[in-house]
Amino acid sequence: MRIDGSVALITGGASGLGRGAAEALVERGARVAILDLPGSAGASVAGDLGHDTVFVPADVRDTEQVEEAIASAVAAHGKLDLLLNAAGVVTAHRVVARNGELFPLDLFKSTIEVNLIGLFDVVRRVAAEMGNNEPNEGGERGAIVNVASIAAYEGQVGQAAYSASKGGIVGLTLPLARDLAGAGIRVNTIAPGIMDTPMLAGAPQELKDSLAQVHVFPRRLGTPQDFAHLVIAVFENPMLNGEVIRLDAGARMGPR
């Protein structure tokens, strides 16, 4: 898909990896709709990015809010060509803690609701909108990138819910691509490793340095710019479809 002149919807676009991708897309001439929580910095980020960027507030767990947000994005920009699903939560709890406490079932459910069910709801609604687009010269009507994690493959202690949710995204990739092929819509997934995002903002530098040592090369944390560079490449390359791409500098996580 050509970035210049396209319209992209980015969930979780108010911060972290989503914001990094939004900035890169705007720089390349895309118009962007940021879908994030009503209490997020989405409106401020949209104002900073300019170039007709809009904020469409929604909690991805609420299907009515998602429907309204996508309708608002289409009303603002006329269409949707690109989707980046970067919204998500990170949760941690042992199945049975040392004090005997069981993994809270509500925590497991909420993690799946945000990271997997919410993502799927956005995908199905945006795909329906993309199906209305005129195909480009290659027959494409849209491109979707979902964000998983290397925890889908090497979940650590305490990551049962998080890894299950991200593993679900990995498992969705090929069937989504096959389902949407007839509409000319590609679907791929990026599985980031350890990234320097707001989740690590309060961490001491020593911790960040130690985390970077998990990487084979380069031995630094990934950045939103690294992530955005790959997002752009996936959107632009028409032969990438049904793939899960690790962005992790060769890291393989241990149990802890």
C-alpha atoms as a PDB file:
ATOM      1  CA  MET A   1       0.000   0.000   0.000  1.00  0.00           C
ATOM      2  CA  ARG A   2       1.188   3.503  -0.786  1.00  0.00           C
ATOM      3  CA  ILE A   3       1.605   5.496   2.450  1.00  0.00           C
ATOM      4  CA  ASP A   4       1.340   8.967   0.946  1.00  0.00           C
ATOM      5  CA  GLY A   5      -2.333   9.854   0.690  1.00  0.00           C
ATOM      6  CA  SER A   6      -3.522   6.841   2.671  1.00  0.00           C
ATOM      7  CA  VAL A   7      -5.638   6.868   5.838  1.00  0.00           C
ATOM      8  CA  ALA A   8      -4.472   4.890   8.866  1.00  0.00           C
ATOM      9  CA  LEU A   9      -6.291   3.952  12.063  1.00  0.00           C
ATOM     10  CA  ILE A  10      -3.960   3.265  14.986  1.00  0.00           C
ATOM     11  CA  THR A  11      -5.254   1.762  18.214  1.00  0.00           C
ATOM     12  CA  GLY A  12      -3.097   2.640  21.196  1.00  0.00           C
ATOM     13  CA  GLY A  13      -1.771   5.548  19.150  1.00  0.00           C
ATOM     14  CA  ALA A  14      -1.559   8.005  22.040  1.00  0.00           C
ATOM     15  CA  SER A  15       1.714   6.611  23.394  1.00  0.00           C
ATOM     16  CA  GLY A  16       4.573   4.170  22.968  1.00  0.00           C
ATOM     17  CA  LEU A  17       4.823   2.071  19.822  1.00  0.00           C
ATOM     18  CA  GLY A  18       1.501   3.317  18.471  1.00  0.00           C
ATOM     19  CA  ARG A  19       2.540   6.943  18.716  1.00  0.00           C
ATOM     20  CA  GLY A  20       5.893   6.194  17.096  1.00  0.00           C
ATOM     21  CA  ALA A  21       4.106   4.630  14.145  1.00  0.00           C
ATOM     22  CA  ALA A  22       1.637   7.525  13.940  1.00  0.00           C
ATOM     23  CA  GLU A  23       4.502  10.018  13.711  1.00  0.00           C
ATOM     24  CA  ALA A  24       6.214   8.004  10.969  1.00  0.00           C
ATOM     25  CA  LEU A  25       3.015   7.644   8.940  1.00  0.00           C
ATOM     26  CA  VAL A  26       2.226  11.351   9.144  1.00  0.00           C
ATOM     27  CA  GLU A  27       5.791  12.188   8.063  1.00  0.00           C
ATOM     28  CA  ARG A  28       5.212  10.079   4.953  1.00  0.00           C
ATOM     29  CA  GLY A  29       1.967  11.804   4.036  1.00  0.00           C
ATOM     30  CA  ALA A  30      -0.696   9.622   5.633  1.00  0.00           C
ATOM     31  CA  ARG A  31      -3.723  10.954   7.449  1.00  0.00           C
ATOM     32  CA  VAL A  32      -4.160   9.283  10.821  1.00  0.00           C
ATOM     33  CA  ALA A  33      -6.954   8.524  13.262  1.00  0.00           C
ATOM     34  CA  ILE A  34      -5.766   7.689  16.781  1.00  0.00           C
ATOM     35  CA  LEU A  35      -8.041   5.335  18.710  1.00  0.00           C
ATOM     36  CA  ASP A  36      -7.229   5.270  22.405  1.00  0.00           C
ATOM     37  CA  LEU A  37      -8.899   5.496  25.784  1.00  0.00           C
ATOM     38  CA  PRO A  38     -11.026   8.596  26.438  1.00  0.00           C
ATOM     39  CA  GLY A  39      -8.706   9.595  29.284  1.00  0.00           C
ATOM     40  CA  SER A  40      -5.544   9.191  27.227  1.00  0.00           C
ATOM     41  CA  ALA A  41      -3.367  11.873  25.658  1.00  0.00           C
ATOM     42  CA  GLY A  42      -4.920  11.098  22.271  1.00  0.00           C
ATOM     43  CA  ALA A  43      -6.340  14.569  21.630  1.00  0.00           C
ATOM     44  CA  SER A  44      -3.034  16.217  22.526  1.00  0.00           C
ATOM     45  CA  VAL A  45      -1.051  13.819  20.342  1.00  0.00           C
ATOM     46  CA  ALA A  46      -3.418  14.369  17.424  1.00  0.00           C
ATOM     47  CA  GLY A  47      -2.934  18.116  17.814  1.00  0.00           C
ATOM     48  CA  ASP A  48       0.844  17.737  17.880  1.00  0.00           C
ATOM     49  CA  LEU A  49       0.880  15.582  14.748  1.00  0.00           C
ATOM     50  CA  GLY A  50      -1.391  17.880  12.760  1.00  0.00           C
ATOM     51  CA  HIS A  51      -1.893  16.904   9.083  1.00  0.00           C
ATOM     52  CA  ASP A  52      -5.592  16.293   9.724  1.00  0.00           C
ATOM     53  CA  THR A  53      -4.847  13.764  12.482  1.00  0.00           C
ATOM     54  CA  VAL A  54      -7.949  13.065  14.568  1.00  0.00           C
ATOM     55  CA  PHE A  55      -8.559  11.422  17.930  1.00  0.00           C
ATOM     56  CA  VAL A  56     -11.425   8.935  18.146  1.00  0.00           C
ATOM     57  CA  PRO A  57     -11.779   7.860  21.806  1.00  0.00           C
ATOM     58  CA  ALA A  58     -12.803   4.302  22.662  1.00  0.00           C
ATOM     59  CA  ASP A  59     -12.125   1.454  25.047  1.00  0.00           C
ATOM     60  CA  VAL A  60     -11.552  -1.575  22.804  1.00  0.00           C
ATOM     61  CA  ARG A  61     -13.441  -3.722  25.315  1.00  0.00           C
ATOM     62  CA  ASP A  62     -16.630  -1.795  24.496  1.00  0.00           C
ATOM     63  CA  THR A  63     -17.855  -2.809  21.045  1.00  0.00           C
ATOM     64  CA  GLU A  64     -20.291   0.121  20.799  1.00  0.00           C
ATOM     65  CA  GLN A  65     -17.482   2.586  21.512  1.00  0.00           C
ATOM     66  CA  VAL A  66     -15.316   0.848  18.904  1.00  0.00           C
ATOM     67  CA  GLU A  67     -18.100   1.052  16.320  1.00  0.00           C
ATOM     68  CA  GLU A  68     -18.600   4.761  17.001  1.00  0.00           C
ATOM     69  CA  ALA A  69     -14.869   5.514  16.911  1.00  0.00           C
ATOM     70  CA  ILE A  70     -14.383   3.792  13.561  1.00  0.00           C
ATOM     71  CA  ALA A  71     -17.415   5.582  12.138  1.00  0.00           C
ATOM     72  CA  SER A  72     -15.927   8.881  13.336  1.00  0.00           C
ATOM     73  CA  ALA A  73     -12.601   8.083  11.699  1.00  0.00           C
ATOM     74  CA  VAL A  74     -14.311   7.317   8.388  1.00  0.00           C
ATOM     75  CA  ALA A  75     -16.420  10.460   8.668  1.00  0.00           C
ATOM     76  CA  ALA A  76     -13.279  12.535   9.240  1.00  0.00           C
ATOM     77  CA  HIS A  77     -11.099  11.011   6.530  1.00  0.00           C
ATOM     78  CA  GLY A  78     -13.530   9.371   4.113  1.00  0.00           C
ATOM     79  CA  LYS A  79     -11.981   5.896   4.192  1.00  0.00           C
ATOM     80  CA  LEU A  80      -9.543   3.577   5.970  1.00  0.00           C
ATOM     81  CA  ASP A  81      -6.609   2.021   4.104  1.00  0.00           C
ATOM     82  CA  LEU A  82      -4.307   0.945   6.929  1.00  0.00           C
ATOM     83  CA  LEU A  83      -4.854  -0.448  10.422  1.00  0.00           C
ATOM     84  CA  LEU A  84      -2.269  -0.828  13.176  1.00  0.00           C
ATOM     85  CA  ASN A  85      -3.544  -2.570  16.298  1.00  0.00           C
ATOM     86  CA  ALA A  86      -1.116  -1.453  19.006  1.00  0.00           C
ATOM     87  CA  ALA A  87      -3.509  -1.132  21.956  1.00  0.00           C
ATOM     88  CA  GLY A  88      -2.799  -3.556  24.759  1.00  0.00           C
ATOM     89  CA  VAL A  89      -2.142  -4.149  28.428  1.00  0.00           C
ATOM     90  CA  VAL A  90       0.686  -5.939  30.215  1.00  0.00           C
ATOM     91  CA  THR A  91      -0.349  -8.014  33.223  1.00  0.00           C
ATOM     92  CA  ALA A  92       1.568 -10.350  35.496  1.00  0.00           C
ATOM     93  CA  HIS A  93       0.600 -12.843  38.189  1.00  0.00           C
ATOM     94  CA  ARG A  94       1.651 -16.370  39.043  1.00  0.00           C
ATOM     95  CA  VAL A  95      -0.934 -19.096  38.551  1.00  0.00           C
ATOM     96  CA  VAL A  96      -0.480 -19.880  42.236  1.00  0.00           C
ATOM     97  CA  ALA A  97       1.519 -17.266  44.129  1.00  0.00           C
ATOM     98  CA  ARG A  98       3.968 -18.148  46.882  1.00  0.00           C
ATOM     99  CA  ASN A  99       1.360 -17.123  49.454  1.00  0.00           C
ATOM    100  CA  GLY A 100      -1.162 -19.496  47.868  1.00  0.00           C
ATOM    101  CA  GLU A 101      -3.160 -16.789  46.095  1.00  0.00           C
ATOM    102  CA  LEU A 102      -4.645 -17.987  42.812  1.00  0.00           C
ATOM    103  CA  PHE A 103      -4.300 -16.040  39.585  1.00  0.00           C
ATOM    104  CA  PRO A 104      -7.328 -13.692  39.663  1.00  0.00           C
ATOM    105  CA  LEU A 105      -9.700 -14.924  36.993  1.00  0.00           C
ATOM    106  CA  ASP A 106     -10.957 -11.386  36.334  1.00  0.00           C
ATOM    107  CA  LEU A 107      -7.390 -10.324  35.518  1.00  0.00           C
ATOM    108  CA  PHE A 108      -7.027 -13.168  33.039  1.00  0.00           C
ATOM    109  CA  LYS A 109     -10.357 -12.301  31.414  1.00  0.00           C
ATOM    110  CA  SER A 110      -9.625  -8.581  31.164  1.00  0.00           C
ATOM    111  CA  THR A 111      -6.230  -9.241  29.554  1.00  0.00           C
ATOM    112  CA  ILE A 112      -7.837 -11.421  26.884  1.00  0.00           C
ATOM    113  CA  GLU A 113     -10.646  -8.883  26.411  1.00  0.00           C
ATOM    114  CA  VAL A 114      -8.245  -6.021  25.678  1.00  0.00           C
ATOM    115  CA  ASN A 115      -5.388  -7.740  23.867  1.00  0.00           C
ATOM    116  CA  LEU A 116      -7.279 -10.322  21.822  1.00  0.00           C
ATOM    117  CA  ILE A 117     -11.048  -9.817  21.707  1.00  0.00           C
ATOM    118  CA  GLY A 118     -10.783  -6.031  21.431  1.00  0.00           C
ATOM    119  CA  LEU A 119      -8.205  -6.385  18.675  1.00  0.00           C
ATOM    120  CA  PHE A 120     -10.436  -8.786  16.737  1.00  0.00           C
ATOM    121  CA  ASP A 121     -13.414  -6.453  17.064  1.00  0.00           C
ATOM    122  CA  VAL A 122     -11.391  -3.609  15.554  1.00  0.00           C
ATOM    123  CA  VAL A 123     -10.109  -5.870  12.768  1.00  0.00           C
ATOM    124  CA  ARG A 124     -13.565  -7.063  11.718  1.00  0.00           C
ATOM    125  CA  ARG A 125     -15.067  -3.576  11.710  1.00  0.00           C
ATOM    126  CA  VAL A 126     -12.163  -1.955   9.869  1.00  0.00           C
ATOM    127  CA  ALA A 127     -12.000  -4.791   7.342  1.00  0.00           C
ATOM    128  CA  ALA A 128     -15.655  -4.134   6.513  1.00  0.00           C
ATOM    129  CA  GLU A 129     -14.781  -0.487   5.810  1.00  0.00           C
ATOM    130  CA  MET A 130     -11.701  -1.412   3.766  1.00  0.00           C
ATOM    131  CA  GLY A 131     -13.844  -3.652   1.601  1.00  0.00           C
ATOM    132  CA  ASN A 132     -15.554  -0.506   0.279  1.00  0.00           C
ATOM    133  CA  ASN A 133     -12.268   0.929  -1.052  1.00  0.00           C
ATOM    134  CA  GLU A 134     -11.392   0.970  -4.717  1.00  0.00           C
ATOM    135  CA  PRO A 135      -8.534  -1.514  -5.223  1.00  0.00           C
ATOM    136  CA  ASN A 136      -5.129  -0.150  -6.191  1.00  0.00           C
ATOM    137  CA  GLU A 137      -3.221  -1.338  -9.251  1.00  0.00           C
ATOM    138  CA  GLY A 138      -2.200  -4.484  -7.362  1.00  0.00           C
ATOM    139  CA  GLY A 139      -5.742  -5.256  -6.236  1.00  0.00           C
ATOM    140  CA  GLU A 140      -5.152  -4.176  -2.629  1.00  0.00           C
ATOM    141  CA  ARG A 141      -7.923  -2.503  -0.657  1.00  0.00           C
ATOM    142  CA  GLY A 142      -6.188  -2.393   2.715  1.00  0.00           C
ATOM    143  CA  ALA A 143      -3.431  -3.647   4.976  1.00  0.00           C
ATOM    144  CA  ILE A 144      -3.555  -4.601   8.648  1.00  0.00           C
ATOM    145  CA  VAL A 145      -0.700  -4.971  11.135  1.00  0.00           C
ATOM    146  CA  ASN A 146      -1.413  -6.444  14.564  1.00  0.00           C
ATOM    147  CA  VAL A 147       1.003  -6.244  17.482  1.00  0.00           C
ATOM    148  CA  ALA A 148       1.807  -9.395  19.436  1.00  0.00           C
ATOM    149  CA  SER A 149       4.958  -9.977  21.518  1.00  0.00           C
ATOM    150  CA  ILE A 150       7.825 -12.439  21.795  1.00  0.00           C
ATOM    151  CA  ALA A 151       5.984 -13.485  24.968  1.00  0.00           C
ATOM    152  CA  ALA A 152       3.705 -15.371  22.578  1.00  0.00           C
ATOM    153  CA  TYR A 153       6.630 -17.775  22.135  1.00  0.00           C
ATOM    154  CA  GLU A 154       8.689 -17.458  25.329  1.00  0.00           C
ATOM    155  CA  GLY A 155       6.273 -16.406  28.027  1.00  0.00           C
ATOM    156  CA  GLN A 156       7.971 -15.925  31.363  1.00  0.00           C
ATOM    157  CA  VAL A 157       6.907 -16.643  34.919  1.00  0.00           C
ATOM    158  CA  GLY A 158       3.759 -14.659  35.658  1.00  0.00           C
ATOM    159  CA  GLN A 159       2.863 -14.098  31.999  1.00  0.00           C
ATOM    160  CA  ALA A 160       0.178 -16.763  31.539  1.00  0.00           C
ATOM    161  CA  ALA A 161      -2.557 -14.270  30.630  1.00  0.00           C
ATOM    162  CA  TYR A 162      -0.336 -11.933  28.631  1.00  0.00           C
ATOM    163  CA  SER A 163       1.273 -14.754  26.660  1.00  0.00           C
ATOM    164  CA  ALA A 164      -2.096 -16.375  25.976  1.00  0.00           C
ATOM    165  CA  SER A 165      -3.460 -13.109  24.608  1.00  0.00           C
ATOM    166  CA  LYS A 166      -0.423 -12.475  22.412  1.00  0.00           C
ATOM    167  CA  GLY A 167      -0.280 -16.096  21.295  1.00  0.00           C
ATOM    168  CA  GLY A 168      -3.875 -15.692  20.193  1.00  0.00           C
ATOM    169  CA  ILE A 169      -2.850 -12.796  17.959  1.00  0.00           C
ATOM    170  CA  VAL A 170      -0.110 -14.924  16.400  1.00  0.00           C
ATOM    171  CA  GLY A 171      -2.631 -17.699  15.801  1.00  0.00           C
ATOM    172  CA  LEU A 172      -5.078 -15.273  14.192  1.00  0.00           C
ATOM    173  CA  THR A 173      -2.621 -14.010  11.619  1.00  0.00           C
ATOM    174  CA  LEU A 174      -2.857 -16.619   8.874  1.00  0.00           C
ATOM    175  CA  PRO A 175      -6.606 -17.288   9.103  1.00  0.00           C
ATOM    176  CA  LEU A 176      -7.291 -13.548   9.032  1.00  0.00           C
ATOM    177  CA  ALA A 177      -5.094 -13.189   5.959  1.00  0.00           C
ATOM    178  CA  ARG A 178      -6.910 -16.067   4.298  1.00  0.00           C
ATOM    179  CA  ASP A 179     -10.336 -14.771   5.307  1.00  0.00           C
ATOM    180  CA  LEU A 180      -9.679 -11.286   3.931  1.00  0.00           C
ATOM    181  CA  ALA A 181      -7.737 -12.225   0.805  1.00  0.00           C
ATOM    182  CA  GLY A 182     -10.867 -12.080  -1.326  1.00  0.00           C
ATOM    183  CA  ALA A 183     -11.326  -8.442  -0.333  1.00  0.00           C
ATOM    184  CA  GLY A 184      -7.728  -7.570  -1.191  1.00  0.00           C
ATOM    185  CA  ILE A 185      -6.720  -6.996   2.438  1.00  0.00           C
ATOM    186  CA  ARG A 186      -3.358  -8.199   3.792  1.00  0.00           C
ATOM    187  CA  VAL A 187      -2.837  -9.113   7.460  1.00  0.00           C
ATOM    188  CA  ASN A 188       0.523  -9.394   9.225  1.00  0.00           C
ATOM    189  CA  THR A 189       1.730  -9.377  12.820  1.00  0.00           C
ATOM    190  CA  ILE A 190       4.788  -7.848  14.490  1.00  0.00           C
ATOM    191  CA  ALA A 191       6.069  -9.467  17.683  1.00  0.00           C
ATOM    192  CA  PRO A 192       8.275  -6.907  19.450  1.00  0.00           C
ATOM    193  CA  GLY A 193      10.862  -7.804  22.055  1.00  0.00           C
ATOM    194  CA  ILE A 194      12.003  -5.473  24.826  1.00  0.00           C
ATOM    195  CA  MET A 195      11.166  -1.938  23.748  1.00  0.00           C
ATOM    196  CA  ASP A 196      11.950   1.399  25.370  1.00  0.00           C
ATOM    197  CA  THR A 197       8.373   2.615  25.785  1.00  0.00           C
ATOM    198  CA  PRO A 198       6.501   4.430  28.583  1.00  0.00           C
ATOM    199  CA  MET A 199       6.105   1.064  30.325  1.00  0.00           C
ATOM    200  CA  LEU A 200       9.812   1.290  31.156  1.00  0.00           C
ATOM    201  CA  ALA A 201       9.886   5.058  31.656  1.00  0.00           C
ATOM    202  CA  GLY A 202      10.263   4.828  35.425  1.00  0.00           C
ATOM    203  CA  ALA A 203      12.784   1.992  35.380  1.00  0.00           C
ATOM    204  CA  PRO A 204      16.342   2.763  36.514  1.00  0.00           C
ATOM    205  CA  GLN A 205      18.984   2.843  33.801  1.00  0.00           C
ATOM    206  CA  GLU A 206      20.735  -0.184  35.325  1.00  0.00           C
ATOM    207  CA  LEU A 207      17.592  -2.257  34.762  1.00  0.00           C
ATOM    208  CA  LYS A 208      17.262  -1.059  31.175  1.00  0.00           C
ATOM    209  CA  ASP A 209      20.910  -1.914  30.540  1.00  0.00           C
ATOM    210  CA  SER A 210      20.464  -5.401  31.981  1.00  0.00           C
ATOM    211  CA  LEU A 211      17.359  -6.004  29.847  1.00  0.00           C
ATOM    212  CA  ALA A 212      19.281  -4.973  26.743  1.00  0.00           C
ATOM    213  CA  GLN A 213      21.823  -7.726  27.415  1.00  0.00           C
ATOM    214  CA  VAL A 214      19.191 -10.286  26.416  1.00  0.00           C
ATOM    215  CA  HIS A 215      19.607  -9.032  22.853  1.00  0.00           C
ATOM    216  CA  VAL A 216      22.125 -10.718  20.588  1.00  0.00           C
ATOM    217  CA  PHE A 217      22.777  -7.535  18.563  1.00  0.00           C
ATOM    218  CA  PRO A 218      22.358  -4.634  18.849  1.00  0.00           C
ATOM    219  CA  ARG A 219      22.540  -4.671  22.641  1.00  0.00           C
ATOM    220  CA  ARG A 220      20.149  -1.837  23.278  1.00  0.00           C
ATOM    221  CA  LEU A 221      16.447  -1.554  23.829  1.00  0.00           C
ATOM    222  CA  GLY A 222      14.230  -1.283  20.799  1.00  0.00           C
ATOM    223  CA  THR A 223      12.631   2.091  20.124  1.00  0.00           C
ATOM    224  CA  PRO A 224       9.292   3.258  18.740  1.00  0.00           C
ATOM    225  CA  GLN A 225      11.267   4.405  15.696  1.00  0.00           C
ATOM    226  CA  ASP A 226      12.599   0.863  15.121  1.00  0.00           C
ATOM    227  CA  PHE A 227       9.044  -0.401  15.354  1.00  0.00           C
ATOM    228  CA  ALA A 228       7.660   2.287  13.051  1.00  0.00           C
ATOM    229  CA  HIS A 229      10.300   1.485  10.429  1.00  0.00           C
ATOM    230  CA  LEU A 230       9.069  -2.112  10.278  1.00  0.00           C
ATOM    231  CA  VAL A 231       5.394  -1.098  10.257  1.00  0.00           C
ATOM    232  CA  ILE A 232       6.024   1.090   7.208  1.00  0.00           C
ATOM    233  CA  ALA A 233       7.894  -1.728   5.448  1.00  0.00           C
ATOM    234  CA  VAL A 234       5.075  -4.208   6.094  1.00  0.00           C
ATOM    235  CA  PHE A 235       2.411  -1.790   4.884  1.00  0.00           C
ATOM    236  CA  GLU A 236       4.359  -1.021   1.718  1.00  0.00           C
ATOM    237  CA  ASN A 237       5.411  -4.540   0.674  1.00  0.00           C
ATOM    238  CA  PRO A 238       2.527  -6.285  -1.110  1.00  0.00           C
ATOM    239  CA  MET A 239       4.171  -9.719  -0.863  1.00  0.00           C
ATOM    240  CA  LEU A 240       4.114  -9.728   2.942  1.00  0.00           C
ATOM    241  CA  ASN A 241       0.938 -11.472   4.011  1.00  0.00           C
ATOM    242  CA  GLY A 242       0.026 -13.893   6.792  1.00  0.00           C
ATOM    243  CA  GLU A 243       3.430 -13.422   8.441  1.00  0.00           C
ATOM    244  CA  VAL A 244       4.550 -12.927  12.033  1.00  0.00           C
ATOM    245  CA  ILE A 245       7.788 -10.953  12.247  1.00  0.00           C
ATOM    246  CA  ARG A 246       9.860 -10.837  15.434  1.00  0.00           C
ATOM    247  CA  LEU A 247      11.468  -7.467  16.193  1.00  0.00           C
ATOM    248  CA  ASP A 248      13.777  -8.459  19.023  1.00  0.00           C
ATOM    249  CA  ALA A 249      17.494  -8.209  18.065  1.00  0.00           C
ATOM    250  CA  GLY A 250      17.729 -12.008  18.273  1.00  0.00           C
ATOM    251  CA  ALA A 251      16.518 -12.223  21.878  1.00  0.00           C
ATOM    252  CA  ARG A 252      15.156 -15.446  23.320  1.00  0.00           C
ATOM    253  CA  MET A 253      13.624 -15.042  26.758  1.00  0.00           C
ATOM    254  CA  GLY A 254      14.410 -17.283  29.703  1.00  0.00           C
ATOM    255  CA  PRO A 255      11.827 -18.357  32.288  1.00  0.00           C
ATOM    256  CA  ARG A 256      12.456 -15.216  34.395  1.00  0.00           C
END
